[in-house]
Amino acid sequence: TEVMVLKGYIDFYNTHKEYTKEQLYKDYYG
């Protein structure tokens, strides 16, 4: 489950130019 969730965040980041790396870290790690 953890891998699926992380992969979802990574795929979203890699396909959405407006989604920042900082935002990904905030969303995933809290």
PDB file of all heavy atoms in Angstrom:
ATOM      1  N   THR A   1       0.843  -1.205   0.000  1.00  0.00           N
ATOM      2  CA  THR A   1       0.000   0.000   0.000  1.00  0.00           C
ATOM      3  C   THR A   1       0.869   1.243   0.000  1.00  0.00           C
ATOM      4  O   THR A   1       0.630   2.190  -0.745  1.00  0.00           O
ATOM      5  CB  THR A   1      -0.928   0.005   1.233  1.00  0.00           C
ATOM      6  OG1 THR A   1      -1.732  -1.171   1.192  1.00  0.00           O
ATOM      7  CG2 THR A   1      -1.822   1.230   1.230  1.00  0.00           C
ATOM      8  N   GLU A   2       1.901   1.234   0.822  1.00  0.00           N
ATOM      9  CA  GLU A   2       2.813   2.375   0.914  1.00  0.00           C
ATOM     10  C   GLU A   2       3.453   2.655  -0.439  1.00  0.00           C
ATOM     11  O   GLU A   2       3.542   3.807  -0.878  1.00  0.00           O
ATOM     12  CB  GLU A   2       3.889   2.083   1.964  1.00  0.00           C
ATOM     13  CG  GLU A   2       4.728   3.270   2.337  1.00  0.00           C
ATOM     14  CD  GLU A   2       3.979   4.351   3.086  1.00  0.00           C
ATOM     15  OE1 GLU A   2       3.002   4.038   3.771  1.00  0.00           O
ATOM     16  OE2 GLU A   2       4.388   5.514   2.972  1.00  0.00           O
ATOM     17  N   VAL A   3       3.897   1.616  -1.117  1.00  0.00           N
ATOM     18  CA  VAL A   3       4.530   1.769  -2.422  1.00  0.00           C
ATOM     19  C   VAL A   3       3.532   2.324  -3.442  1.00  0.00           C
ATOM     20  O   VAL A   3       3.866   3.211  -4.222  1.00  0.00           O
ATOM     21  CB  VAL A   3       5.123   0.422  -2.904  1.00  0.00           C
ATOM     22  CG1 VAL A   3       5.509   0.479  -4.372  1.00  0.00           C
ATOM     23  CG2 VAL A   3       6.325   0.050  -2.049  1.00  0.00           C
ATOM     24  N   MET A   4       2.304   1.831  -3.413  1.00  0.00           N
ATOM     25  CA  MET A   4       1.274   2.335  -4.337  1.00  0.00           C
ATOM     26  C   MET A   4       0.996   3.820  -4.105  1.00  0.00           C
ATOM     27  O   MET A   4       0.868   4.589  -5.055  1.00  0.00           O
ATOM     28  CB  MET A   4      -0.027   1.544  -4.170  1.00  0.00           C
ATOM     29  CG  MET A   4      -0.014   0.205  -4.869  1.00  0.00           C
ATOM     30  SD  MET A   4      -1.509  -0.770  -4.546  1.00  0.00           S
ATOM     31  CE  MET A   4      -2.816   0.423  -4.790  1.00  0.00           C
ATOM     32  N   VAL A   5       0.907   4.205  -2.840  1.00  0.00           N
ATOM     33  CA  VAL A   5       0.650   5.612  -2.500  1.00  0.00           C
ATOM     34  C   VAL A   5       1.801   6.483  -2.973  1.00  0.00           C
ATOM     35  O   VAL A   5       1.597   7.507  -3.635  1.00  0.00           O
ATOM     36  CB  VAL A   5       0.429   5.768  -0.973  1.00  0.00           C
ATOM     37  CG1 VAL A   5       0.438   7.240  -0.570  1.00  0.00           C
ATOM     38  CG2 VAL A   5      -0.873   5.105  -0.559  1.00  0.00           C
ATOM     39  N   LEU A   6       3.022   6.079  -2.668  1.00  0.00           N
ATOM     40  CA  LEU A   6       4.191   6.851  -3.070  1.00  0.00           C
ATOM     41  C   LEU A   6       4.293   6.941  -4.588  1.00  0.00           C
ATOM     42  O   LEU A   6       4.560   8.003  -5.143  1.00  0.00           O
ATOM     43  CB  LEU A   6       5.454   6.238  -2.477  1.00  0.00           C
ATOM     44  CG  LEU A   6       6.760   6.951  -2.816  1.00  0.00           C
ATOM     45  CD1 LEU A   6       6.692   8.426  -2.439  1.00  0.00           C
ATOM     46  CD2 LEU A   6       7.920   6.273  -2.117  1.00  0.00           C
ATOM     47  N   LYS A   7       4.035   5.822  -5.268  1.00  0.00           N
ATOM     48  CA  LYS A   7       4.083   5.814  -6.729  1.00  0.00           C
ATOM     49  C   LYS A   7       3.047   6.782  -7.310  1.00  0.00           C
ATOM     50  O   LYS A   7       3.312   7.475  -8.286  1.00  0.00           O
ATOM     51  CB  LYS A   7       3.853   4.403  -7.251  1.00  0.00           C
ATOM     52  CG  LYS A   7       4.039   4.280  -8.750  1.00  0.00           C
ATOM     53  CD  LYS A   7       4.022   2.831  -9.186  1.00  0.00           C
ATOM     54  CE  LYS A   7       4.184   2.607 -10.663  1.00  0.00           C
ATOM     55  NZ  LYS A   7       4.043   3.752 -11.545  1.00  0.00           N
ATOM     56  N   GLY A   8       1.890   6.846  -6.669  1.00  0.00           N
ATOM     57  CA  GLY A   8       0.860   7.791  -7.097  1.00  0.00           C
ATOM     58  C   GLY A   8       1.340   9.227  -7.009  1.00  0.00           C
ATOM     59  O   GLY A   8       1.150  10.019  -7.935  1.00  0.00           O
ATOM     60  N   TYR A   9       1.968   9.585  -5.885  1.00  0.00           N
ATOM     61  CA  TYR A   9       2.512  10.933  -5.728  1.00  0.00           C
ATOM     62  C   TYR A   9       3.579  11.216  -6.785  1.00  0.00           C
ATOM     63  O   TYR A   9       3.611  12.287  -7.389  1.00  0.00           O
ATOM     64  CB  TYR A   9       3.128  11.120  -4.338  1.00  0.00           C
ATOM     65  CG  TYR A   9       2.127  11.451  -3.265  1.00  0.00           C
ATOM     66  CD1 TYR A   9       1.854  10.565  -2.232  1.00  0.00           C
ATOM     67  CD2 TYR A   9       1.463  12.677  -3.268  1.00  0.00           C
ATOM     68  CE1 TYR A   9       0.947  10.875  -1.239  1.00  0.00           C
ATOM     69  CE2 TYR A   9       0.554  13.002  -2.284  1.00  0.00           C
ATOM     70  CZ  TYR A   9       0.295  12.095  -1.262  1.00  0.00           C
ATOM     71  OH  TYR A   9      -0.604  12.415  -0.291  1.00  0.00           O
ATOM     72  N   ILE A  10       4.475  10.253  -6.989  1.00  0.00           N
ATOM     73  CA  ILE A  10       5.572  10.441  -7.943  1.00  0.00           C
ATOM     74  C   ILE A  10       5.041  10.584  -9.368  1.00  0.00           C
ATOM     75  O   ILE A  10       5.456  11.474 -10.111  1.00  0.00           O
ATOM     76  CB  ILE A  10       6.587   9.291  -7.825  1.00  0.00           C
ATOM     77  CG1 ILE A  10       7.330   9.418  -6.487  1.00  0.00           C
ATOM     78  CG2 ILE A  10       7.572   9.307  -8.982  1.00  0.00           C
ATOM     79  CD1 ILE A  10       8.161   8.206  -6.120  1.00  0.00           C
ATOM     80  N   ASP A  11       4.099   9.717  -9.747  1.00  0.00           N
ATOM     81  CA  ASP A  11       3.503   9.807 -11.087  1.00  0.00           C
ATOM     82  C   ASP A  11       2.805  11.146 -11.282  1.00  0.00           C
ATOM     83  O   ASP A  11       2.902  11.764 -12.348  1.00  0.00           O
ATOM     84  CB  ASP A  11       2.512   8.665 -11.324  1.00  0.00           C
ATOM     85  CG  ASP A  11       3.202   7.312 -11.475  1.00  0.00           C
ATOM     86  OD1 ASP A  11       4.441   7.287 -11.646  1.00  0.00           O
ATOM     87  OD2 ASP A  11       2.502   6.291 -11.422  1.00  0.00           O
ATOM     88  N   PHE A  12       2.093  11.598 -10.244  1.00  0.00           N
ATOM     89  CA  PHE A  12       1.407  12.884 -10.327  1.00  0.00           C
ATOM     90  C   PHE A  12       2.418  14.016 -10.506  1.00  0.00           C
ATOM     91  O   PHE A  12       2.264  14.876 -11.384  1.00  0.00           O
ATOM     92  CB  PHE A  12       0.562  13.118  -9.067  1.00  0.00           C
ATOM     93  CG  PHE A  12      -0.338  14.322  -9.166  1.00  0.00           C
ATOM     94  CD1 PHE A  12      -1.563  14.239  -9.803  1.00  0.00           C
ATOM     95  CD2 PHE A  12       0.045  15.542  -8.635  1.00  0.00           C
ATOM     96  CE1 PHE A  12      -2.391  15.349  -9.902  1.00  0.00           C
ATOM     97  CE2 PHE A  12      -0.773  16.656  -8.730  1.00  0.00           C
ATOM     98  CZ  PHE A  12      -1.995  16.560  -9.364  1.00  0.00           C
ATOM     99  N   TYR A  13       3.479  13.995  -9.701  1.00  0.00           N
ATOM    100  CA  TYR A  13       4.520  15.022  -9.817  1.00  0.00           C
ATOM    101  C   TYR A  13       5.119  15.038 -11.213  1.00  0.00           C
ATOM    102  O   TYR A  13       5.304  16.098 -11.823  1.00  0.00           O
ATOM    103  CB  TYR A  13       5.626  14.777  -8.784  1.00  0.00           C
ATOM    104  CG  TYR A  13       6.814  15.686  -8.976  1.00  0.00           C
ATOM    105  CD1 TYR A  13       6.829  16.960  -8.413  1.00  0.00           C
ATOM    106  CD2 TYR A  13       7.906  15.296  -9.746  1.00  0.00           C
ATOM    107  CE1 TYR A  13       7.898  17.811  -8.611  1.00  0.00           C
ATOM    108  CE2 TYR A  13       8.979  16.139  -9.949  1.00  0.00           C
ATOM    109  CZ  TYR A  13       8.978  17.393  -9.375  1.00  0.00           C
ATOM    110  OH  TYR A  13      10.033  18.237  -9.588  1.00  0.00           O
ATOM    111  N   ASN A  14       5.419  13.860 -11.719  1.00  0.00           N
ATOM    112  CA  ASN A  14       6.111  13.762 -13.009  1.00  0.00           C
ATOM    113  C   ASN A  14       5.222  14.149 -14.194  1.00  0.00           C
ATOM    114  O   ASN A  14       5.726  14.367 -15.289  1.00  0.00           O
ATOM    115  CB  ASN A  14       6.680  12.356 -13.202  1.00  0.00           C
ATOM    116  CG  ASN A  14       7.899  12.109 -12.326  1.00  0.00           C
ATOM    117  OD1 ASN A  14       8.596  13.044 -11.944  1.00  0.00           O
ATOM    118  ND2 ASN A  14       8.135  10.865 -11.982  1.00  0.00           N
ATOM    119  N   THR A  15       3.920  14.260 -13.978  1.00  0.00           N
ATOM    120  CA  THR A  15       3.013  14.609 -15.073  1.00  0.00           C
ATOM    121  C   THR A  15       2.290  15.937 -14.868  1.00  0.00           C
ATOM    122  O   THR A  15       1.509  16.345 -15.720  1.00  0.00           O
ATOM    123  CB  THR A  15       1.958  13.491 -15.278  1.00  0.00           C
ATOM    124  OG1 THR A  15       1.261  13.276 -14.056  1.00  0.00           O
ATOM    125  CG2 THR A  15       2.621  12.199 -15.714  1.00  0.00           C
ATOM    126  N   HIS A  16       2.537  16.637 -13.764  1.00  0.00           N
ATOM    127  CA  HIS A  16       1.866  17.912 -13.486  1.00  0.00           C
ATOM    128  C   HIS A  16       2.912  18.975 -13.177  1.00  0.00           C
ATOM    129  O   HIS A  16       3.474  19.009 -12.076  1.00  0.00           O
ATOM    130  CB  HIS A  16       0.892  17.773 -12.315  1.00  0.00           C
ATOM    131  CG  HIS A  16      -0.300  16.929 -12.631  1.00  0.00           C
ATOM    132  ND1 HIS A  16      -0.227  15.563 -12.721  1.00  0.00           N
ATOM    133  CD2 HIS A  16      -1.588  17.271 -12.893  1.00  0.00           C
ATOM    134  CE1 HIS A  16      -1.434  15.083 -13.016  1.00  0.00           C
ATOM    135  NE2 HIS A  16      -2.268  16.090 -13.136  1.00  0.00           N
ATOM    136  N   LYS A  17       3.146  19.826 -14.166  1.00  0.00           N
ATOM    137  CA  LYS A  17       4.197  20.838 -14.049  1.00  0.00           C
ATOM    138  C   LYS A  17       3.973  21.793 -12.872  1.00  0.00           C
ATOM    139  O   LYS A  17       4.927  22.278 -12.281  1.00  0.00           O
ATOM    140  CB  LYS A  17       4.251  21.644 -15.356  1.00  0.00           C
ATOM    141  CG  LYS A  17       5.610  22.268 -15.608  1.00  0.00           C
ATOM    142  CD  LYS A  17       5.650  22.995 -16.928  1.00  0.00           C
ATOM    143  CE  LYS A  17       5.365  22.054 -18.075  1.00  0.00           C
ATOM    144  NZ  LYS A  17       6.114  22.297 -19.290  1.00  0.00           N
ATOM    145  N   GLU A  18       2.703  22.037 -12.520  1.00  0.00           N
ATOM    146  CA  GLU A  18       2.413  23.017 -11.467  1.00  0.00           C
ATOM    147  C   GLU A  18       2.586  22.450 -10.064  1.00  0.00           C
ATOM    148  O   GLU A  18       2.564  23.185  -9.086  1.00  0.00           O
ATOM    149  CB  GLU A  18       0.993  23.582 -11.632  1.00  0.00           C
ATOM    150  CG  GLU A  18      -0.136  22.606 -11.303  1.00  0.00           C
ATOM    151  CD  GLU A  18      -0.440  21.581 -12.398  1.00  0.00           C
ATOM    152  OE1 GLU A  18       0.222  21.611 -13.467  1.00  0.00           O
ATOM    153  OE2 GLU A  18      -1.333  20.754 -12.179  1.00  0.00           O
ATOM    154  N   TYR A  19       2.769  21.140  -9.948  1.00  0.00           N
ATOM    155  CA  TYR A  19       2.913  20.490  -8.637  1.00  0.00           C
ATOM    156  C   TYR A  19       4.383  20.522  -8.250  1.00  0.00           C
ATOM    157  O   TYR A  19       5.221  19.903  -8.897  1.00  0.00           O
ATOM    158  CB  TYR A  19       2.407  19.050  -8.739  1.00  0.00           C
ATOM    159  CG  TYR A  19       2.257  18.314  -7.422  1.00  0.00           C
ATOM    160  CD1 TYR A  19       1.438  18.807  -6.414  1.00  0.00           C
ATOM    161  CD2 TYR A  19       2.913  17.112  -7.212  1.00  0.00           C
ATOM    162  CE1 TYR A  19       1.282  18.130  -5.233  1.00  0.00           C
ATOM    163  CE2 TYR A  19       2.760  16.417  -6.027  1.00  0.00           C
ATOM    164  CZ  TYR A  19       1.940  16.925  -5.030  1.00  0.00           C
ATOM    165  OH  TYR A  19       1.789  16.240  -3.856  1.00  0.00           O
ATOM    166  N   THR A  20       4.707  21.250  -7.198  1.00  0.00           N
ATOM    167  CA  THR A  20       6.112  21.448  -6.841  1.00  0.00           C
ATOM    168  C   THR A  20       6.663  20.264  -6.047  1.00  0.00           C
ATOM    169  O   THR A  20       5.921  19.532  -5.393  1.00  0.00           O
ATOM    170  CB  THR A  20       6.305  22.725  -6.006  1.00  0.00           C
ATOM    171  OG1 THR A  20       5.637  22.543  -4.749  1.00  0.00           O
ATOM    172  CG2 THR A  20       5.752  23.954  -6.717  1.00  0.00           C
ATOM    173  N   LYS A  21       7.975  20.115  -6.102  1.00  0.00           N
ATOM    174  CA  LYS A  21       8.645  19.071  -5.331  1.00  0.00           C
ATOM    175  C   LYS A  21       8.412  19.288  -3.833  1.00  0.00           C
ATOM    176  O   LYS A  21       8.183  18.350  -3.080  1.00  0.00           O
ATOM    177  CB  LYS A  21      10.137  19.099  -5.638  1.00  0.00           C
ATOM    178  CG  LYS A  21      10.889  17.921  -5.057  1.00  0.00           C
ATOM    179  CD  LYS A  21      12.383  18.092  -5.084  1.00  0.00           C
ATOM    180  CE  LYS A  21      12.928  18.397  -6.454  1.00  0.00           C
ATOM    181  NZ  LYS A  21      14.401  18.506  -6.433  1.00  0.00           N
ATOM    182  N   GLU A  22       8.440  20.548  -3.415  1.00  0.00           N
ATOM    183  CA  GLU A  22       8.189  20.871  -2.008  1.00  0.00           C
ATOM    184  C   GLU A  22       6.791  20.414  -1.592  1.00  0.00           C
ATOM    185  O   GLU A  22       6.599  19.846  -0.523  1.00  0.00           O
ATOM    186  CB  GLU A  22       8.359  22.373  -1.794  1.00  0.00           C
ATOM    187  CG  GLU A  22       8.313  22.794  -0.353  1.00  0.00           C
ATOM    188  CD  GLU A  22       8.583  24.280  -0.187  1.00  0.00           C
ATOM    189  OE1 GLU A  22       9.756  24.670  -0.139  1.00  0.00           O
ATOM    190  OE2 GLU A  22       7.601  25.046  -0.117  1.00  0.00           O
ATOM    191  N   GLN A  23       5.807  20.632  -2.455  1.00  0.00           N
ATOM    192  CA  GLN A  23       4.437  20.227  -2.157  1.00  0.00           C
ATOM    193  C   GLN A  23       4.326  18.708  -2.066  1.00  0.00           C
ATOM    194  O   GLN A  23       3.628  18.177  -1.198  1.00  0.00           O
ATOM    195  CB  GLN A  23       3.468  20.763  -3.224  1.00  0.00           C
ATOM    196  CG  GLN A  23       2.007  20.581  -2.846  1.00  0.00           C
ATOM    197  CD  GLN A  23       1.631  21.330  -1.582  1.00  0.00           C
ATOM    198  OE1 GLN A  23       1.913  22.518  -1.451  1.00  0.00           O
ATOM    199  NE2 GLN A  23       1.030  20.644  -0.631  1.00  0.00           N
ATOM    200  N   LEU A  24       5.016  17.994  -2.946  1.00  0.00           N
ATOM    201  CA  LEU A  24       5.011  16.537  -2.884  1.00  0.00           C
ATOM    202  C   LEU A  24       5.542  16.058  -1.530  1.00  0.00           C
ATOM    203  O   LEU A  24       4.943  15.194  -0.898  1.00  0.00           O
ATOM    204  CB  LEU A  24       5.852  15.953  -4.017  1.00  0.00           C
ATOM    205  CG  LEU A  24       5.911  14.421  -4.094  1.00  0.00           C
ATOM    206  CD1 LEU A  24       6.052  13.986  -5.543  1.00  0.00           C
ATOM    207  CD2 LEU A  24       7.023  13.822  -3.276  1.00  0.00           C
ATOM    208  N   TYR A  25       6.660  16.615  -1.092  1.00  0.00           N
ATOM    209  CA  TYR A  25       7.229  16.222   0.199  1.00  0.00           C
ATOM    210  C   TYR A  25       6.272  16.545   1.335  1.00  0.00           C
ATOM    211  O   TYR A  25       6.099  15.743   2.256  1.00  0.00           O
ATOM    212  CB  TYR A  25       8.584  16.906   0.423  1.00  0.00           C
ATOM    213  CG  TYR A  25       9.735  16.195  -0.222  1.00  0.00           C
ATOM    214  CD1 TYR A  25      10.019  16.347  -1.574  1.00  0.00           C
ATOM    215  CD2 TYR A  25      10.565  15.360   0.520  1.00  0.00           C
ATOM    216  CE1 TYR A  25      11.089  15.684  -2.167  1.00  0.00           C
ATOM    217  CE2 TYR A  25      11.646  14.697  -0.072  1.00  0.00           C
ATOM    218  CZ  TYR A  25      11.900  14.874  -1.405  1.00  0.00           C
ATOM    219  OH  TYR A  25      12.952  14.208  -1.987  1.00  0.00           O
ATOM    220  N   LYS A  26       5.631  17.720   1.293  1.00  0.00           N
ATOM    221  CA  LYS A  26       4.669  18.089   2.337  1.00  0.00           C
ATOM    222  C   LYS A  26       3.501  17.112   2.368  1.00  0.00           C
ATOM    223  O   LYS A  26       3.075  16.664   3.430  1.00  0.00           O
ATOM    224  CB  LYS A  26       4.125  19.502   2.103  1.00  0.00           C
ATOM    225  CG  LYS A  26       5.085  20.594   2.474  1.00  0.00           C
ATOM    226  CD  LYS A  26       4.466  21.971   2.198  1.00  0.00           C
ATOM    227  CE  LYS A  26       5.442  23.073   2.511  1.00  0.00           C
ATOM    228  NZ  LYS A  26       4.912  24.392   2.125  1.00  0.00           N
ATOM    229  N   ASP A  27       2.975  16.775   1.183  1.00  0.00           N
ATOM    230  CA  ASP A  27       1.818  15.883   1.096  1.00  0.00           C
ATOM    231  C   ASP A  27       2.154  14.474   1.550  1.00  0.00           C
ATOM    232  O   ASP A  27       1.373  13.820   2.238  1.00  0.00           O
ATOM    233  CB  ASP A  27       1.281  15.827  -0.342  1.00  0.00           C
ATOM    234  CG  ASP A  27       0.616  17.132  -0.771  1.00  0.00           C
ATOM    235  OD1 ASP A  27       0.314  17.974   0.099  1.00  0.00           O
ATOM    236  OD2 ASP A  27       0.409  17.296  -1.984  1.00  0.00           O
ATOM    237  N   TYR A  28       3.324  13.986   1.169  1.00  0.00           N
ATOM    238  CA  TYR A  28       3.672  12.595   1.466  1.00  0.00           C
ATOM    239  C   TYR A  28       4.169  12.413   2.897  1.00  0.00           C
ATOM    240  O   TYR A  28       3.755  11.498   3.590  1.00  0.00           O
ATOM    241  CB  TYR A  28       4.711  12.082   0.470  1.00  0.00           C
ATOM    242  CG  TYR A  28       5.022  10.622   0.691  1.00  0.00           C
ATOM    243  CD1 TYR A  28       4.042   9.650   0.460  1.00  0.00           C
ATOM    244  CD2 TYR A  28       6.260  10.212   1.162  1.00  0.00           C
ATOM    245  CE1 TYR A  28       4.301   8.305   0.681  1.00  0.00           C
ATOM    246  CE2 TYR A  28       6.528   8.865   1.381  1.00  0.00           C
ATOM    247  CZ  TYR A  28       5.540   7.923   1.143  1.00  0.00           C
ATOM    248  OH  TYR A  28       5.798   6.599   1.379  1.00  0.00           O
ATOM    249  N   TYR A  29       5.055  13.297   3.338  1.00  0.00           N
ATOM    250  CA  TYR A  29       5.664  13.108   4.653  1.00  0.00           C
ATOM    251  C   TYR A  29       4.951  13.829   5.784  1.00  0.00           C
ATOM    252  O   TYR A  29       5.226  13.574   6.948  1.00  0.00           O
ATOM    253  CB  TYR A  29       7.128  13.558   4.627  1.00  0.00           C
ATOM    254  CG  TYR A  29       8.032  12.636   3.848  1.00  0.00           C
ATOM    255  CD1 TYR A  29       8.666  13.071   2.688  1.00  0.00           C
ATOM    256  CD2 TYR A  29       8.261  11.329   4.267  1.00  0.00           C
ATOM    257  CE1 TYR A  29       9.508  12.227   1.975  1.00  0.00           C
ATOM    258  CE2 TYR A  29       9.093  10.483   3.554  1.00  0.00           C
ATOM    259  CZ  TYR A  29       9.711  10.934   2.416  1.00  0.00           C
ATOM    260  OH  TYR A  29      10.530  10.103   1.710  1.00  0.00           O
ATOM    261  N   GLY A  30       4.052  14.743   5.472  1.00  0.00           N
ATOM    262  CA  GLY A  30       3.350  15.450   6.533  1.00  0.00           C
ATOM    263  C   GLY A  30       4.269  16.404   7.284  1.00  0.00           C
ATOM    264  O   GLY A  30       5.121  17.053   6.690  1.00  0.00           O
TER     265      GLY A  30
END
